[in-house]
Amino acid sequence: MKPLTEQQKKMAYRYLVHGPMRFVAQPTYAAVLKLELGMYRLINALHNPAASFSRVHNVTALIKTFERPERCRALVSSIRQFYPDLPIIVVDDSKHPTRLPNVTTRVLTYDSGVSVGRREGLSLVRTKYVINLDDDYIFCRQTNIARVIQLLDEFEEIDIIGGVPVDLPFYITHDSKNGPLYRTAHQSLKPKGSSLGGLEVCDKVSNFFVGRTEKIKLVNWDPLVKRLDHADFFTRCTGKLVSAIDPSFRILHVRNPFDYAYRRFRYDLDADLAYLGGKYAHPWR
């Protein structure tokens, strides 16, 4: 039996989440996720992941979290398995913020938004590089930060190196490098599709990336964009920063499409759509 293609995986995902079987799929989905994450924890416990990677310096992990305390705890725990000494900053605008040991936590006003949170976290970073993370990621053996830092040290033209989130439980990946951006008069500093350090240059990468802290501050996140920050941020990177993608740099993405309380906030987009519609005269390029 042939393995499912990416398209088939996505079709199965949509059917389970939105189809008539979703009420049966929900507990099954949760059980499979729990089993997969338990397997990863067991493998890591047996193989001492901290010994498999080089120590990293001059880099801070920046996590923006909202109303997903279990996921944030799991992400921090996974970081500590691989990089016990890595500085971590968590920005939390939940109703009941989570504070974790050996983590710098900045609490914001409830539902301040992702852009305000990322800006606040970035202002606290004191290292040369920063790792941008969503709270539902999990580090794995392919989250090799040391290799990415080495590339950034060697190739100063690159400002951001993006990785590939792998959606559990179906191991779905997405082509973020060809995702849409807004129209802008600025031209890319390096042609899209060209190569730097063996990596493909692109105008947009996923929200999982390592970048030069001071360069990212030149663009930063628009505080008026509460949720739809991704395309706006990389549109404004055009002509200012050079991004590239490393397909071997991966992280697990623990999606939970059945978390309806969270999704009610996540997809409350009317204010963002109205603002971005006025900000960009022609929506997509």
C-alpha atoms as a PDB file:
ATOM      1  CA  MET A   1       0.000   0.000   0.000  1.00  0.00           C
ATOM      2  CA  LYS A   2       1.418   3.347  -1.076  1.00  0.00           C
ATOM      3  CA  PRO A   3       1.762   6.104   1.558  1.00  0.00           C
ATOM      4  CA  LEU A   4      -0.679   8.976   1.268  1.00  0.00           C
ATOM      5  CA  THR A   5       0.387  12.011  -0.729  1.00  0.00           C
ATOM      6  CA  GLU A   6       0.400  15.461   0.891  1.00  0.00           C
ATOM      7  CA  GLN A   7      -2.811  16.301  -0.983  1.00  0.00           C
ATOM      8  CA  GLN A   8      -4.508  13.125   0.230  1.00  0.00           C
ATOM      9  CA  LYS A   9      -3.445  13.845   3.812  1.00  0.00           C
ATOM     10  CA  LYS A  10      -4.946  17.330   3.612  1.00  0.00           C
ATOM     11  CA  MET A  11      -8.190  15.975   2.157  1.00  0.00           C
ATOM     12  CA  ALA A  12      -8.421  13.404   4.968  1.00  0.00           C
ATOM     13  CA  TYR A  13      -7.746  16.133   7.528  1.00  0.00           C
ATOM     14  CA  ARG A  14     -10.504  18.365   6.155  1.00  0.00           C
ATOM     15  CA  TYR A  15     -12.957  15.461   6.065  1.00  0.00           C
ATOM     16  CA  LEU A  16     -12.269  14.445   9.671  1.00  0.00           C
ATOM     17  CA  VAL A  17     -12.425  18.002  11.015  1.00  0.00           C
ATOM     18  CA  HIS A  18     -15.326  19.390   9.014  1.00  0.00           C
ATOM     19  CA  GLY A  19     -17.156  16.281   7.797  1.00  0.00           C
ATOM     20  CA  PRO A  20     -20.019  14.346   9.377  1.00  0.00           C
ATOM     21  CA  MET A  21     -17.626  12.096  11.317  1.00  0.00           C
ATOM     22  CA  ARG A  22     -16.037  14.944  13.276  1.00  0.00           C
ATOM     23  CA  PHE A  23     -17.692  13.978  16.574  1.00  0.00           C
ATOM     24  CA  VAL A  24     -16.142  10.521  16.319  1.00  0.00           C
ATOM     25  CA  ALA A  25     -12.896  11.890  14.921  1.00  0.00           C
ATOM     26  CA  GLN A  26     -12.309  14.307  17.818  1.00  0.00           C
ATOM     27  CA  PRO A  27     -11.500  11.749  20.575  1.00  0.00           C
ATOM     28  CA  THR A  28      -9.600   9.567  18.078  1.00  0.00           C
ATOM     29  CA  TYR A  29      -7.557  12.554  16.924  1.00  0.00           C
ATOM     30  CA  ALA A  30      -6.709  13.464  20.532  1.00  0.00           C
ATOM     31  CA  ALA A  31      -5.701   9.876  21.325  1.00  0.00           C
ATOM     32  CA  VAL A  32      -3.415   9.618  18.288  1.00  0.00           C
ATOM     33  CA  LEU A  33      -1.778  12.953  19.129  1.00  0.00           C
ATOM     34  CA  LYS A  34      -1.191  11.833  22.708  1.00  0.00           C
ATOM     35  CA  LEU A  35       0.329   8.564  21.500  1.00  0.00           C
ATOM     36  CA  GLU A  36       2.637  10.293  19.019  1.00  0.00           C
ATOM     37  CA  LEU A  37       3.867  12.866  21.540  1.00  0.00           C
ATOM     38  CA  GLY A  38       4.415  10.140  24.116  1.00  0.00           C
ATOM     39  CA  MET A  39       6.507   8.232  21.593  1.00  0.00           C
ATOM     40  CA  TYR A  40       8.670  11.296  20.936  1.00  0.00           C
ATOM     41  CA  ARG A  41       9.181  11.852  24.671  1.00  0.00           C
ATOM     42  CA  LEU A  42      10.180   8.212  25.134  1.00  0.00           C
ATOM     43  CA  ILE A  43      12.656   8.280  22.255  1.00  0.00           C
ATOM     44  CA  ASN A  44      14.213  11.465  23.580  1.00  0.00           C
ATOM     45  CA  ALA A  45      14.462  10.055  27.105  1.00  0.00           C
ATOM     46  CA  LEU A  46      16.275   6.983  25.783  1.00  0.00           C
ATOM     47  CA  HIS A  47      18.722   8.845  23.542  1.00  0.00           C
ATOM     48  CA  ASN A  48      19.613  12.005  25.518  1.00  0.00           C
ATOM     49  CA  PRO A  49      18.843  14.580  22.798  1.00  0.00           C
ATOM     50  CA  ALA A  50      20.886  17.315  24.521  1.00  0.00           C
ATOM     51  CA  ALA A  51      24.036  15.318  23.714  1.00  0.00           C
ATOM     52  CA  SER A  52      23.160  15.048  20.013  1.00  0.00           C
ATOM     53  CA  PHE A  53      23.361  18.779  19.199  1.00  0.00           C
ATOM     54  CA  SER A  54      26.115  21.312  19.647  1.00  0.00           C
ATOM     55  CA  ARG A  55      25.618  23.957  22.309  1.00  0.00           C
ATOM     56  CA  VAL A  56      24.232  27.186  20.892  1.00  0.00           C
ATOM     57  CA  HIS A  57      25.174  30.720  21.839  1.00  0.00           C
ATOM     58  CA  ASN A  58      23.877  34.177  20.960  1.00  0.00           C
ATOM     59  CA  VAL A  59      20.312  33.008  20.370  1.00  0.00           C
ATOM     60  CA  THR A  60      17.041  33.323  22.315  1.00  0.00           C
ATOM     61  CA  ALA A  61      13.774  31.427  21.851  1.00  0.00           C
ATOM     62  CA  LEU A  62      10.774  33.775  21.641  1.00  0.00           C
ATOM     63  CA  ILE A  63       7.339  32.230  22.213  1.00  0.00           C
ATOM     64  CA  LYS A  64       4.044  34.078  21.850  1.00  0.00           C
ATOM     65  CA  THR A  65       1.264  32.202  23.649  1.00  0.00           C
ATOM     66  CA  PHE A  66      -2.441  32.703  24.173  1.00  0.00           C
ATOM     67  CA  GLU A  67      -4.915  30.427  25.992  1.00  0.00           C
ATOM     68  CA  ARG A  68      -2.895  27.253  25.354  1.00  0.00           C
ATOM     69  CA  PRO A  69      -0.948  26.682  28.588  1.00  0.00           C
ATOM     70  CA  GLU A  70      -0.486  22.939  28.049  1.00  0.00           C
ATOM     71  CA  ARG A  71       0.987  23.486  24.623  1.00  0.00           C
ATOM     72  CA  CYS A  72       3.323  26.217  25.871  1.00  0.00           C
ATOM     73  CA  ARG A  73       4.555  23.980  28.699  1.00  0.00           C
ATOM     74  CA  ALA A  74       5.162  21.132  26.261  1.00  0.00           C
ATOM     75  CA  LEU A  75       7.134  23.408  23.913  1.00  0.00           C
ATOM     76  CA  VAL A  76       9.340  24.735  26.707  1.00  0.00           C
ATOM     77  CA  SER A  77       9.906  21.181  27.956  1.00  0.00           C
ATOM     78  CA  SER A  78      10.951  20.048  24.481  1.00  0.00           C
ATOM     79  CA  ILE A  79      13.372  22.976  24.140  1.00  0.00           C
ATOM     80  CA  ARG A  80      14.960  22.060  27.462  1.00  0.00           C
ATOM     81  CA  GLN A  81      15.431  18.453  26.306  1.00  0.00           C
ATOM     82  CA  PHE A  82      17.572  19.568  23.393  1.00  0.00           C
ATOM     83  CA  TYR A  83      18.994  22.875  24.626  1.00  0.00           C
ATOM     84  CA  PRO A  84      19.016  22.991  28.460  1.00  0.00           C
ATOM     85  CA  ASP A  85      20.679  26.413  28.632  1.00  0.00           C
ATOM     86  CA  LEU A  86      18.864  28.211  25.819  1.00  0.00           C
ATOM     87  CA  PRO A  87      17.333  31.541  26.963  1.00  0.00           C
ATOM     88  CA  ILE A  88      13.543  31.475  26.556  1.00  0.00           C
ATOM     89  CA  ILE A  89      11.144  34.425  26.519  1.00  0.00           C
ATOM     90  CA  VAL A  90       7.398  33.757  26.734  1.00  0.00           C
ATOM     91  CA  VAL A  91       4.916  36.540  26.067  1.00  0.00           C
ATOM     92  CA  ASP A  92       1.468  35.634  27.373  1.00  0.00           C
ATOM     93  CA  ASP A  93      -1.768  37.584  26.955  1.00  0.00           C
ATOM     94  CA  SER A  94      -4.025  34.800  28.239  1.00  0.00           C
ATOM     95  CA  LYS A  95      -6.730  35.398  30.820  1.00  0.00           C
ATOM     96  CA  HIS A  96      -4.698  33.330  33.287  1.00  0.00           C
ATOM     97  CA  PRO A  97      -1.032  33.635  32.210  1.00  0.00           C
ATOM     98  CA  THR A  98       1.366  30.757  32.753  1.00  0.00           C
ATOM     99  CA  ARG A  99       4.704  31.244  34.487  1.00  0.00           C
ATOM    100  CA  LEU A 100       7.343  28.557  34.014  1.00  0.00           C
ATOM    101  CA  PRO A 101      10.651  28.066  35.852  1.00  0.00           C
ATOM    102  CA  ASN A 102      13.832  29.397  34.221  1.00  0.00           C
ATOM    103  CA  VAL A 103      11.791  31.271  31.626  1.00  0.00           C
ATOM    104  CA  THR A 104      11.458  35.031  31.209  1.00  0.00           C
ATOM    105  CA  THR A 105       7.710  35.707  31.110  1.00  0.00           C
ATOM    106  CA  ARG A 106       6.129  38.971  30.021  1.00  0.00           C
ATOM    107  CA  VAL A 107       2.408  39.216  30.791  1.00  0.00           C
ATOM    108  CA  LEU A 108       0.320  41.507  28.588  1.00  0.00           C
ATOM    109  CA  THR A 109      -3.239  42.773  28.729  1.00  0.00           C
ATOM    110  CA  TYR A 110      -5.734  40.042  27.889  1.00  0.00           C
ATOM    111  CA  ASP A 111      -5.953  39.323  24.149  1.00  0.00           C
ATOM    112  CA  SER A 112      -3.455  42.021  23.171  1.00  0.00           C
ATOM    113  CA  GLY A 113      -2.778  40.117  19.959  1.00  0.00           C
ATOM    114  CA  VAL A 114       0.077  38.246  18.372  1.00  0.00           C
ATOM    115  CA  SER A 115       1.847  41.272  16.868  1.00  0.00           C
ATOM    116  CA  VAL A 116       1.913  43.247  20.116  1.00  0.00           C
ATOM    117  CA  GLY A 117       3.206  40.118  21.841  1.00  0.00           C
ATOM    118  CA  ARG A 118       5.984  39.451  19.336  1.00  0.00           C
ATOM    119  CA  ARG A 119       7.057  43.088  19.446  1.00  0.00           C
ATOM    120  CA  GLU A 120       7.202  43.040  23.233  1.00  0.00           C
ATOM    121  CA  GLY A 121       9.149  39.800  23.284  1.00  0.00           C
ATOM    122  CA  LEU A 122      11.594  41.033  20.656  1.00  0.00           C
ATOM    123  CA  SER A 123      12.314  44.123  22.749  1.00  0.00           C
ATOM    124  CA  LEU A 124      13.546  41.818  25.526  1.00  0.00           C
ATOM    125  CA  VAL A 125      15.946  39.819  23.346  1.00  0.00           C
ATOM    126  CA  ARG A 126      19.596  40.580  24.077  1.00  0.00           C
ATOM    127  CA  THR A 127      21.221  38.012  21.801  1.00  0.00           C
ATOM    128  CA  LYS A 128      22.409  38.339  18.211  1.00  0.00           C
ATOM    129  CA  TYR A 129      19.802  35.861  16.959  1.00  0.00           C
ATOM    130  CA  VAL A 130      16.211  35.033  17.860  1.00  0.00           C
ATOM    131  CA  ILE A 131      14.079  31.933  17.198  1.00  0.00           C
ATOM    132  CA  ASN A 132      10.484  32.848  16.427  1.00  0.00           C
ATOM    133  CA  LEU A 133       8.023  30.238  17.731  1.00  0.00           C
ATOM    134  CA  ASP A 134       4.290  29.648  18.005  1.00  0.00           C
ATOM    135  CA  ASP A 135       3.174  28.019  21.245  1.00  0.00           C
ATOM    136  CA  ASP A 136       1.947  24.804  19.585  1.00  0.00           C
ATOM    137  CA  TYR A 137       5.357  23.725  18.289  1.00  0.00           C
ATOM    138  CA  ILE A 138       7.491  20.886  19.674  1.00  0.00           C
ATOM    139  CA  PHE A 139      11.248  20.551  19.185  1.00  0.00           C
ATOM    140  CA  CYS A 140      12.442  17.307  17.593  1.00  0.00           C
ATOM    141  CA  ARG A 141      15.698  15.835  16.285  1.00  0.00           C
ATOM    142  CA  GLN A 142      15.488  17.925  13.130  1.00  0.00           C
ATOM    143  CA  THR A 143      15.278  21.199  15.077  1.00  0.00           C
ATOM    144  CA  ASN A 144      19.007  21.722  14.709  1.00  0.00           C
ATOM    145  CA  ILE A 145      19.505  25.338  15.725  1.00  0.00           C
ATOM    146  CA  ALA A 146      23.290  25.055  15.847  1.00  0.00           C
ATOM    147  CA  ARG A 147      23.453  24.286  12.137  1.00  0.00           C
ATOM    148  CA  VAL A 148      21.240  27.262  11.274  1.00  0.00           C
ATOM    149  CA  ILE A 149      23.310  29.619  13.442  1.00  0.00           C
ATOM    150  CA  GLN A 150      26.440  28.384  11.682  1.00  0.00           C
ATOM    151  CA  LEU A 151      24.877  29.239   8.315  1.00  0.00           C
ATOM    152  CA  LEU A 152      23.888  32.726   9.495  1.00  0.00           C
ATOM    153  CA  ASP A 153      27.406  33.306  10.847  1.00  0.00           C
ATOM    154  CA  GLU A 154      28.935  32.209   7.558  1.00  0.00           C
ATOM    155  CA  PHE A 155      26.543  33.914   5.133  1.00  0.00           C
ATOM    156  CA  GLU A 156      25.922  37.442   6.379  1.00  0.00           C
ATOM    157  CA  GLU A 157      23.638  38.251   3.446  1.00  0.00           C
ATOM    158  CA  ILE A 158      20.947  35.993   4.940  1.00  0.00           C
ATOM    159  CA  ASP A 159      18.826  37.634   7.649  1.00  0.00           C
ATOM    160  CA  ILE A 160      16.202  34.935   8.262  1.00  0.00           C
ATOM    161  CA  ILE A 161      16.344  31.169   7.844  1.00  0.00           C
ATOM    162  CA  GLY A 162      12.952  29.534   7.949  1.00  0.00           C
ATOM    163  CA  GLY A 163      12.217  25.926   8.772  1.00  0.00           C
ATOM    164  CA  VAL A 164       9.370  23.543   8.055  1.00  0.00           C
ATOM    165  CA  PRO A 165       6.628  22.841  10.627  1.00  0.00           C
ATOM    166  CA  VAL A 166       5.339  19.283  10.362  1.00  0.00           C
ATOM    167  CA  ASP A 167       1.660  19.033  11.350  1.00  0.00           C
ATOM    168  CA  LEU A 168       0.794  16.130  13.607  1.00  0.00           C
ATOM    169  CA  PRO A 169      -0.837  13.640  13.552  1.00  0.00           C
ATOM    170  CA  PHE A 170      -0.724  13.258   9.744  1.00  0.00           C
ATOM    171  CA  TYR A 171       2.786  14.669   9.197  1.00  0.00           C
ATOM    172  CA  ILE A 172       1.522  17.278   6.764  1.00  0.00           C
ATOM    173  CA  THR A 173       3.895  19.993   5.553  1.00  0.00           C
ATOM    174  CA  HIS A 174       2.978  23.270   3.856  1.00  0.00           C
ATOM    175  CA  ASP A 175       4.769  25.259   1.174  1.00  0.00           C
ATOM    176  CA  SER A 176       5.078  28.568   3.005  1.00  0.00           C
ATOM    177  CA  LYS A 177       7.695  29.948   0.595  1.00  0.00           C
ATOM    178  CA  ASN A 178       5.019  30.259  -2.104  1.00  0.00           C
ATOM    179  CA  GLY A 179       2.375  31.644   0.234  1.00  0.00           C
ATOM    180  CA  PRO A 180       0.710  34.926  -0.746  1.00  0.00           C
ATOM    181  CA  LEU A 181       2.005  38.356   0.220  1.00  0.00           C
ATOM    182  CA  TYR A 182       0.468  41.786  -0.207  1.00  0.00           C
ATOM    183  CA  ARG A 183       1.403  44.016  -3.110  1.00  0.00           C
ATOM    184  CA  THR A 184       4.308  46.331  -2.411  1.00  0.00           C
ATOM    185  CA  ALA A 185       6.432  48.733  -4.414  1.00  0.00           C
ATOM    186  CA  HIS A 186       9.601  47.317  -2.864  1.00  0.00           C
ATOM    187  CA  GLN A 187      11.747  44.819  -4.734  1.00  0.00           C
ATOM    188  CA  SER A 188      13.371  41.771  -3.157  1.00  0.00           C
ATOM    189  CA  LEU A 189      17.047  42.244  -2.292  1.00  0.00           C
ATOM    190  CA  LYS A 190      17.848  38.814  -3.756  1.00  0.00           C
ATOM    191  CA  PRO A 191      15.894  37.113  -6.552  1.00  0.00           C
ATOM    192  CA  LYS A 192      13.367  34.589  -5.321  1.00  0.00           C
ATOM    193  CA  GLY A 193      14.598  31.077  -6.094  1.00  0.00           C
ATOM    194  CA  SER A 194      18.271  32.018  -6.102  1.00  0.00           C
ATOM    195  CA  SER A 195      20.701  30.307  -3.746  1.00  0.00           C
ATOM    196  CA  LEU A 196      22.686  31.491  -0.735  1.00  0.00           C
ATOM    197  CA  GLY A 197      24.714  29.053   1.337  1.00  0.00           C
ATOM    198  CA  GLY A 198      22.979  26.193  -0.420  1.00  0.00           C
ATOM    199  CA  LEU A 199      19.559  27.481   0.690  1.00  0.00           C
ATOM    200  CA  GLU A 200      16.762  28.728  -1.530  1.00  0.00           C
ATOM    201  CA  VAL A 201      15.986  32.432  -1.227  1.00  0.00           C
ATOM    202  CA  CYS A 202      12.293  33.193  -0.811  1.00  0.00           C
ATOM    203  CA  ASP A 203      10.098  36.142   0.109  1.00  0.00           C
ATOM    204  CA  LYS A 204       8.227  34.333   2.855  1.00  0.00           C
ATOM    205  CA  VAL A 205       8.915  31.508   5.302  1.00  0.00           C
ATOM    206  CA  SER A 206       6.871  29.928   8.076  1.00  0.00           C
ATOM    207  CA  ASN A 207       6.468  31.391  11.577  1.00  0.00           C
ATOM    208  CA  PHE A 208       9.247  29.006  12.613  1.00  0.00           C
ATOM    209  CA  PHE A 209      12.472  30.823  11.812  1.00  0.00           C
ATOM    210  CA  VAL A 210      15.810  32.009  13.168  1.00  0.00           C
ATOM    211  CA  GLY A 211      16.751  35.591  12.385  1.00  0.00           C
ATOM    212  CA  ARG A 212      19.119  38.405  13.171  1.00  0.00           C
ATOM    213  CA  THR A 213      17.568  40.263  16.069  1.00  0.00           C
ATOM    214  CA  GLU A 214      18.555  43.786  15.021  1.00  0.00           C
ATOM    215  CA  LYS A 215      17.493  43.214  11.427  1.00  0.00           C
ATOM    216  CA  ILE A 216      14.083  41.907  12.474  1.00  0.00           C
ATOM    217  CA  LYS A 217      13.638  44.988  14.670  1.00  0.00           C
ATOM    218  CA  LEU A 218      13.974  47.111  11.520  1.00  0.00           C
ATOM    219  CA  VAL A 219      10.729  45.559  10.253  1.00  0.00           C
ATOM    220  CA  ASN A 220       9.015  44.326  13.431  1.00  0.00           C
ATOM    221  CA  TRP A 221       5.344  43.408  13.718  1.00  0.00           C
ATOM    222  CA  ASP A 222       2.576  45.945  13.153  1.00  0.00           C
ATOM    223  CA  PRO A 223       0.830  46.340  16.541  1.00  0.00           C
ATOM    224  CA  LEU A 224      -2.456  47.123  14.792  1.00  0.00           C
ATOM    225  CA  VAL A 225      -2.543  43.632  13.264  1.00  0.00           C
ATOM    226  CA  LYS A 226      -3.946  41.397  15.957  1.00  0.00           C
ATOM    227  CA  ARG A 227      -3.970  37.968  14.331  1.00  0.00           C
ATOM    228  CA  LEU A 228      -3.115  38.066  10.600  1.00  0.00           C
ATOM    229  CA  ASP A 229       0.507  39.033  11.174  1.00  0.00           C
ATOM    230  CA  HIS A 230       2.327  36.576   8.937  1.00  0.00           C
ATOM    231  CA  ALA A 231       1.784  37.907   5.416  1.00  0.00           C
ATOM    232  CA  ASP A 232       1.970  41.506   6.616  1.00  0.00           C
ATOM    233  CA  PHE A 233       5.335  40.945   8.347  1.00  0.00           C
ATOM    234  CA  PHE A 234       6.982  39.298   5.343  1.00  0.00           C
ATOM    235  CA  THR A 235       5.481  41.811   2.911  1.00  0.00           C
ATOM    236  CA  ARG A 236       7.240  44.544   4.875  1.00  0.00           C
ATOM    237  CA  CYS A 237      10.447  42.470   4.888  1.00  0.00           C
ATOM    238  CA  THR A 238      10.560  42.837   1.102  1.00  0.00           C
ATOM    239  CA  GLY A 239      13.456  45.101   0.131  1.00  0.00           C
ATOM    240  CA  LYS A 240      14.807  45.140   3.701  1.00  0.00           C
ATOM    241  CA  LEU A 241      15.657  41.565   4.688  1.00  0.00           C
ATOM    242  CA  VAL A 242      16.734  38.418   2.878  1.00  0.00           C
ATOM    243  CA  SER A 243      14.980  35.191   3.839  1.00  0.00           C
ATOM    244  CA  ALA A 244      15.894  31.642   2.897  1.00  0.00           C
ATOM    245  CA  ILE A 245      14.432  28.247   3.676  1.00  0.00           C
ATOM    246  CA  ASP A 246      16.178  25.167   5.012  1.00  0.00           C
ATOM    247  CA  PRO A 247      13.965  22.109   4.299  1.00  0.00           C
ATOM    248  CA  SER A 248      15.980  19.979   6.743  1.00  0.00           C
ATOM    249  CA  PHE A 249      15.276  22.381   9.640  1.00  0.00           C
ATOM    250  CA  ARG A 250      12.011  21.056  11.049  1.00  0.00           C
ATOM    251  CA  ILE A 251       9.741  21.292  14.050  1.00  0.00           C
ATOM    252  CA  LEU A 252       6.588  19.432  15.059  1.00  0.00           C
ATOM    253  CA  HIS A 253       3.317  21.367  14.927  1.00  0.00           C
ATOM    254  CA  VAL A 254       0.634  20.077  17.312  1.00  0.00           C
ATOM    255  CA  ARG A 255      -2.528  21.292  15.641  1.00  0.00           C
ATOM    256  CA  ASN A 256      -5.831  20.869  17.452  1.00  0.00           C
ATOM    257  CA  PRO A 257      -8.681  21.842  15.141  1.00  0.00           C
ATOM    258  CA  PHE A 258     -11.161  20.711  17.801  1.00  0.00           C
ATOM    259  CA  ASP A 259     -10.130  23.368  20.311  1.00  0.00           C
ATOM    260  CA  TYR A 260     -13.206  25.456  19.571  1.00  0.00           C
ATOM    261  CA  ALA A 261     -12.692  27.924  22.420  1.00  0.00           C
ATOM    262  CA  TYR A 262      -9.282  28.887  21.045  1.00  0.00           C
ATOM    263  CA  ARG A 263     -10.455  28.918  17.432  1.00  0.00           C
ATOM    264  CA  ARG A 264     -13.212  31.391  18.330  1.00  0.00           C
ATOM    265  CA  PHE A 265     -10.468  33.921  19.053  1.00  0.00           C
ATOM    266  CA  ARG A 266      -8.081  32.755  16.323  1.00  0.00           C
ATOM    267  CA  TYR A 267     -10.616  33.313  13.559  1.00  0.00           C
ATOM    268  CA  ASP A 268     -12.087  36.558  14.818  1.00  0.00           C
ATOM    269  CA  LEU A 269     -10.551  38.362  11.855  1.00  0.00           C
ATOM    270  CA  ASP A 270     -12.958  41.119  10.836  1.00  0.00           C
ATOM    271  CA  ALA A 271     -10.931  43.962  12.389  1.00  0.00           C
ATOM    272  CA  ASP A 272      -7.680  42.716  10.823  1.00  0.00           C
ATOM    273  CA  LEU A 273      -9.254  42.247   7.412  1.00  0.00           C
ATOM    274  CA  ALA A 274     -10.674  45.765   7.480  1.00  0.00           C
ATOM    275  CA  TYR A 275      -7.361  47.267   8.585  1.00  0.00           C
ATOM    276  CA  LEU A 276      -5.236  45.342   6.085  1.00  0.00           C
ATOM    277  CA  GLY A 277      -7.730  46.096   3.314  1.00  0.00           C
ATOM    278  CA  GLY A 278      -7.078  49.778   3.887  1.00  0.00           C
ATOM    279  CA  LYS A 279      -3.344  49.364   4.385  1.00  0.00           C
ATOM    280  CA  TYR A 280      -2.784  47.608   1.050  1.00  0.00           C
ATOM    281  CA  ALA A 281      -4.608  48.989  -1.958  1.00  0.00           C
ATOM    282  CA  HIS A 282      -4.213  45.712  -3.887  1.00  0.00           C
ATOM    283  CA  PRO A 283      -4.521  42.732  -1.544  1.00  0.00           C
ATOM    284  CA  TRP A 284      -2.249  40.038  -3.028  1.00  0.00           C
ATOM    285  CA  ARG A 285       0.710  39.756  -5.314  1.00  0.00           C
END
